[in-house]
Protein backbone atom coordinates (compact mmCIF):
# COMPACT_ATOMS: atom_id res chain seq x y z
CA MET A 1 0.00 0.00 0.00
CA ILE A 2 1.32 3.44 -0.99
CA ARG A 3 0.24 6.58 0.83
CA ASN A 4 0.91 10.28 1.15
CA PRO A 5 -1.05 13.00 2.99
CA ARG A 6 -3.57 13.37 0.15
CA ARG A 7 -3.55 10.06 -1.71
CA ILE A 8 -4.11 6.46 -0.63
CA GLN A 9 -3.47 3.60 -3.03
CA LEU A 10 -4.38 -0.08 -2.91
CA ALA A 11 -5.84 -0.17 0.59
CA PRO A 12 -7.61 -3.47 1.41
CA GLY A 13 -11.28 -2.78 2.03
CA TYR A 14 -14.91 -3.82 1.71
CA ILE A 15 -18.00 -1.91 0.63
CA LEU A 16 -20.55 -1.91 3.44
CA HIS A 17 -23.21 0.33 1.91
CA HIS A 18 -23.72 2.66 -1.02
CA ARG A 19 -26.24 5.26 -2.05
CA PRO A 20 -26.79 7.11 -5.33
CA TYR A 21 -25.51 10.63 -5.75
CA ARG A 22 -26.98 12.69 -8.57
CA ASP A 23 -27.35 10.88 -11.90
CA THR A 24 -24.20 8.81 -12.30
CA SER A 25 -22.27 8.72 -9.02
CA ARG A 26 -22.40 6.99 -5.65
CA ILE A 27 -21.33 7.59 -2.08
CA LEU A 28 -19.67 4.43 -0.77
CA GLU A 29 -19.37 3.51 2.89
CA VAL A 30 -16.30 1.29 3.15
CA LEU A 31 -14.37 -0.58 5.83
CA THR A 32 -10.61 -0.63 5.39
CA ARG A 33 -8.01 -2.38 7.48
CA ASP A 34 -5.64 0.55 7.93
CA HIS A 35 -7.93 3.58 7.71
CA GLY A 36 -11.06 2.34 9.43
CA ARG A 37 -14.53 3.10 8.13
CA LEU A 38 -14.97 6.03 5.77
CA SER A 39 -17.10 7.45 2.97
CA LEU A 40 -15.80 7.69 -0.59
CA PHE A 41 -17.23 9.65 -3.50
CA ALA A 42 -17.34 7.38 -6.56
CA ARG A 43 -17.79 9.62 -9.59
CA GLY A 44 -19.51 8.23 -12.67
CA VAL A 45 -19.75 4.62 -11.47
CA ARG A 46 -23.47 4.40 -12.27
CA GLY A 47 -22.93 5.31 -15.90
CA PRO A 48 -23.34 2.67 -18.65
CA LYS A 49 -19.64 2.82 -19.56
CA SER A 50 -18.26 2.58 -16.03
CA LYS A 51 -15.56 -0.07 -15.67
CA LEU A 52 -15.73 0.08 -11.89
CA ALA A 53 -19.43 -0.72 -11.51
CA PRO A 54 -18.97 -4.54 -11.68
CA VAL A 55 -16.11 -4.33 -9.18
CA LEU A 56 -17.82 -2.19 -6.55
CA GLN A 57 -19.92 -4.93 -4.99
CA PRO A 58 -20.39 -5.80 -1.31
CA PHE A 59 -18.80 -8.83 0.35
CA ARG A 60 -15.76 -8.78 -1.96
CA LEU A 61 -12.28 -7.89 -0.78
CA LEU A 62 -11.08 -4.93 -2.83
CA LEU A 63 -7.96 -2.82 -3.17
CA LEU A 64 -9.23 0.75 -2.99
CA SER A 65 -7.48 3.95 -3.98
CA TRP A 66 -8.66 7.49 -3.23
CA SER A 67 -7.45 11.04 -2.99
CA GLY A 68 -8.46 14.18 -1.14
CA ARG A 69 -9.54 14.96 2.37
CA GLY A 70 -12.79 15.87 4.07
CA GLU A 71 -15.86 13.74 4.68
CA ALA A 72 -15.84 11.92 1.32
CA PRO A 73 -12.54 11.75 -0.58
CA GLN A 74 -12.80 10.77 -4.24
CA LEU A 75 -12.39 7.15 -5.25
CA THR A 76 -9.65 6.91 -7.89
CA GLY A 77 -9.47 3.16 -8.38
CA ALA A 78 -10.70 -0.25 -7.25
CA GLU A 79 -9.71 -3.78 -8.10
CA LEU A 80 -10.54 -7.23 -6.83
CA ALA A 81 -8.17 -8.75 -4.31
CA GLY A 82 -8.13 -12.50 -3.87
CA ASP A 83 -11.02 -14.87 -4.42
CA PRO A 84 -14.01 -13.19 -6.15
CA THR A 85 -16.44 -15.91 -4.98
CA PRO A 86 -19.79 -14.23 -4.21
CA LEU A 87 -21.58 -14.73 -0.94
CA PRO A 88 -24.07 -17.64 -1.23
CA SER A 89 -27.65 -16.43 -1.51
CA ALA A 90 -28.58 -18.29 1.68
CA SER A 91 -26.02 -16.21 3.57
CA LEU A 92 -26.93 -12.77 2.20
CA MET A 93 -29.03 -11.79 5.22
CA ALA A 94 -26.15 -12.81 7.49
CA GLY A 95 -23.82 -10.67 5.39
CA PHE A 96 -26.09 -7.65 5.72
CA TYR A 97 -26.20 -8.28 9.48
CA LEU A 98 -22.39 -8.16 9.63
CA ASN A 99 -22.43 -4.91 7.67
CA GLU A 100 -25.03 -3.33 9.92
CA LEU A 101 -23.09 -4.19 13.07
CA ILE A 102 -19.93 -2.66 11.61
CA LEU A 103 -21.81 0.47 10.54
CA LYS A 104 -23.47 0.94 13.92
CA LEU A 105 -20.59 0.03 16.22
CA THR A 106 -17.50 1.48 14.55
CA THR A 107 -16.44 5.10 14.32
CA ARG A 108 -15.36 6.75 11.09
CA HIS A 109 -11.62 7.21 10.59
CA ASP A 110 -10.78 5.04 13.62
CA PRO A 111 -8.79 2.05 12.30
CA SER A 112 -9.34 -1.33 13.94
CA PRO A 113 -7.40 -4.06 12.12
CA ALA A 114 -8.90 -6.64 14.50
CA ALA A 115 -12.46 -5.61 13.54
CA PHE A 116 -11.53 -5.77 9.85
CA ASP A 117 -9.97 -9.21 10.30
CA ALA A 118 -13.06 -10.47 12.16
CA TYR A 119 -15.29 -9.24 9.34
CA HIS A 120 -13.05 -10.76 6.66
CA ALA A 121 -12.89 -14.12 8.48
CA ALA A 122 -16.69 -14.22 8.88
CA LEU A 123 -17.25 -13.59 5.17
CA GLU A 124 -14.72 -16.26 4.24
CA SER A 125 -16.52 -18.74 6.51
CA LEU A 126 -19.89 -17.91 4.96
CA LYS A 127 -18.46 -18.30 1.46
CA ALA A 128 -17.08 -21.70 2.47
CA HIS A 129 -20.59 -22.74 3.62
CA ALA A 130 -19.45 -23.07 7.24
CA GLY A 131 -22.12 -23.21 9.93
CA LEU A 132 -24.13 -19.99 9.91
CA GLU A 133 -24.78 -19.70 13.65
CA PRO A 134 -21.21 -20.47 14.80
CA THR A 135 -19.87 -18.00 12.23
CA LEU A 136 -22.13 -15.20 13.47
CA ARG A 137 -21.42 -15.86 17.15
CA ILE A 138 -17.65 -15.90 16.64
CA PHE A 139 -17.86 -12.68 14.61
CA GLU A 140 -19.91 -10.97 17.34
CA LYS A 141 -17.41 -12.09 19.99
CA ARG A 142 -14.39 -10.93 18.00
CA LEU A 143 -15.99 -7.61 17.05
CA LEU A 144 -16.85 -6.84 20.68
CA GLU A 145 -13.28 -7.67 21.69
CA ALA A 146 -11.84 -5.51 18.91
CA LEU A 147 -13.93 -2.53 20.01
CA GLY A 148 -13.08 -2.86 23.70
CA TYR A 149 -16.26 -4.60 24.87
CA GLY A 150 -14.90 -8.12 25.19
CA LEU A 151 -16.04 -10.45 27.98
CA ASP A 152 -13.95 -12.54 30.33
CA LEU A 153 -15.45 -15.91 29.50
CA THR A 154 -13.05 -17.99 31.57
CA SER A 155 -13.50 -16.69 35.13
CA GLU A 156 -16.36 -15.82 37.49
CA THR A 157 -16.53 -12.13 38.32
CA ARG A 158 -17.03 -12.23 42.09
CA THR A 159 -14.38 -14.81 43.01
CA GLY A 160 -12.12 -14.84 39.97
CA ARG A 161 -12.33 -18.62 39.90
CA ARG A 162 -12.12 -20.39 36.58
CA ILE A 163 -15.45 -21.13 34.91
CA ASP A 164 -16.58 -24.65 35.81
CA PRO A 165 -17.98 -26.52 32.78
CA GLU A 166 -20.45 -28.32 35.06
CA ALA A 167 -21.73 -25.12 36.72
CA HIS A 168 -24.11 -22.39 35.55
CA TYR A 169 -23.72 -18.63 35.42
CA HIS A 170 -25.76 -15.46 35.05
CA TYR A 171 -24.60 -12.44 33.06
CA ARG A 172 -25.11 -9.04 34.67
CA PRO A 173 -24.85 -6.12 32.24
CA SER A 174 -21.64 -4.10 32.62
CA GLN A 175 -20.48 -6.42 35.42
CA GLY A 176 -19.80 -9.91 34.17
CA LEU A 177 -20.57 -13.54 34.94
CA PHE A 178 -21.82 -14.71 38.32
CA LEU A 179 -22.44 -18.22 39.63
CA THR A 180 -26.10 -19.27 39.71
CA VAL A 181 -28.25 -22.40 39.75
CA ALA A 182 -29.12 -24.44 36.69
CA ASP A 183 -32.84 -23.59 36.70
CA ALA A 184 -32.38 -19.83 37.19
CA PRO A 185 -33.87 -17.67 34.42
CA GLY A 186 -31.22 -16.95 31.81
CA ALA A 187 -28.72 -19.43 33.28
CA LEU A 188 -25.73 -20.04 31.01
CA SER A 189 -23.87 -23.34 31.00
CA GLY A 190 -20.22 -23.12 32.00
CA ARG A 191 -19.48 -25.53 29.18
CA SER A 192 -21.09 -23.10 26.73
CA LEU A 193 -19.03 -20.18 28.04
CA LEU A 194 -15.78 -22.08 27.64
CA ALA A 195 -16.80 -23.25 24.17
CA LEU A 196 -17.41 -19.62 23.18
CA ALA A 197 -14.09 -18.56 24.71
CA ASN A 198 -12.35 -21.21 22.59
CA GLU A 199 -14.50 -20.41 19.53
CA GLU A 200 -15.49 -24.06 19.27
CA LEU A 201 -19.28 -24.00 19.29
CA GLY A 202 -20.72 -27.41 18.58
CA ASP A 203 -23.98 -28.48 20.13
CA GLU A 204 -27.31 -26.69 20.26
CA ARG A 205 -27.02 -25.64 23.92
CA GLU A 206 -23.65 -23.98 23.32
CA LEU A 207 -25.03 -22.05 20.36
CA GLU A 208 -28.19 -21.04 22.21
CA ASP A 209 -26.33 -19.83 25.31
CA SER A 210 -23.76 -17.96 23.22
CA LYS A 211 -26.47 -16.22 21.23
CA ARG A 212 -28.34 -15.08 24.35
CA LEU A 213 -25.17 -13.81 26.00
CA LEU A 214 -23.79 -11.98 22.96
CA GLN A 215 -27.12 -10.40 22.08
CA SER A 216 -27.38 -9.13 25.65
CA VAL A 217 -23.95 -7.52 25.39
CA LEU A 218 -24.71 -6.11 21.94
CA ALA A 219 -27.94 -4.59 23.26
CA GLU A 220 -25.88 -2.71 25.85
CA VAL A 221 -23.39 -1.46 23.30
CA LEU A 222 -26.09 -0.48 20.79
CA GLU A 223 -27.82 1.59 23.51
CA GLY A 224 -31.33 0.86 22.31
CA ARG A 225 -30.69 1.19 18.58
CA GLU A 226 -32.56 -1.55 16.74
CA LEU A 227 -30.90 -3.58 14.02
CA ALA A 228 -32.92 -3.47 10.81
CA THR A 229 -31.59 -6.85 9.69
CA ARG A 230 -33.02 -8.52 12.80
CA ALA A 231 -36.42 -6.95 12.16
CA VAL A 232 -36.35 -8.17 8.55
CA ALA A 233 -35.31 -11.67 9.64
CA ARG A 234 -38.20 -11.80 12.14
CA ALA A 235 -40.65 -10.66 9.47
CA ILE A 236 -39.42 -13.35 7.07
CA ALA A 237 -39.70 -16.01 9.79
CA ARG A 238 -43.29 -14.95 10.58
CA ARG A 239 -44.24 -15.05 6.91
CA GLU A 240 -42.69 -18.49 6.43
CA SER A 241 -44.48 -19.83 9.51
CA ARG A 242 -47.83 -18.98 7.90
CA THR A 243 -47.10 -20.90 4.71
């Protein structure tokens, strides 16, 4: 990657969102490894003769070049980097969910290589037809860690003792994990917590506990902001249940 104060060349990045601007241009919201999330002005990419239009697609690793400063520097080039395999259609909603989390939880111009790597790894897993739920849970865990909201999944908060796989725990927002009884509302299996810590989610209980825990933490971090992708997924599930 080459850089100077006004020009960036060949920066690895992904397109998270785009919107039309006037007749032939777009504003791109991108995530880059070394420059964080930023907006880019893509002039003329909606025109019939644009060579960049087929390249500027979501869920593909790109090498992006731009120049200028301000809120939306001008895109000067884009090319595919690595495998151009598209995201499977069955995983598109999951991909949009990843994008929405990145858009809502990251700050513009604040680089987080760990967040970028978590996003890249999740997309690669989805493209490889890996398990959908484990992929999403591991991404959520890694993203929270990258942004400073990671959980200690290996020790109990009050005593500091190592999580017992045979015990059960309760998560208290902004505090941590506390020992509880198996039949307590919201009880999380110690085995599930350790599986999440090791990113080795296998059985249904581990996936269910991990989802409840991570969604609770995400709700704190989102501060009441609803995720549109979750609302869409619920609407689709309701519609399918009627058919």
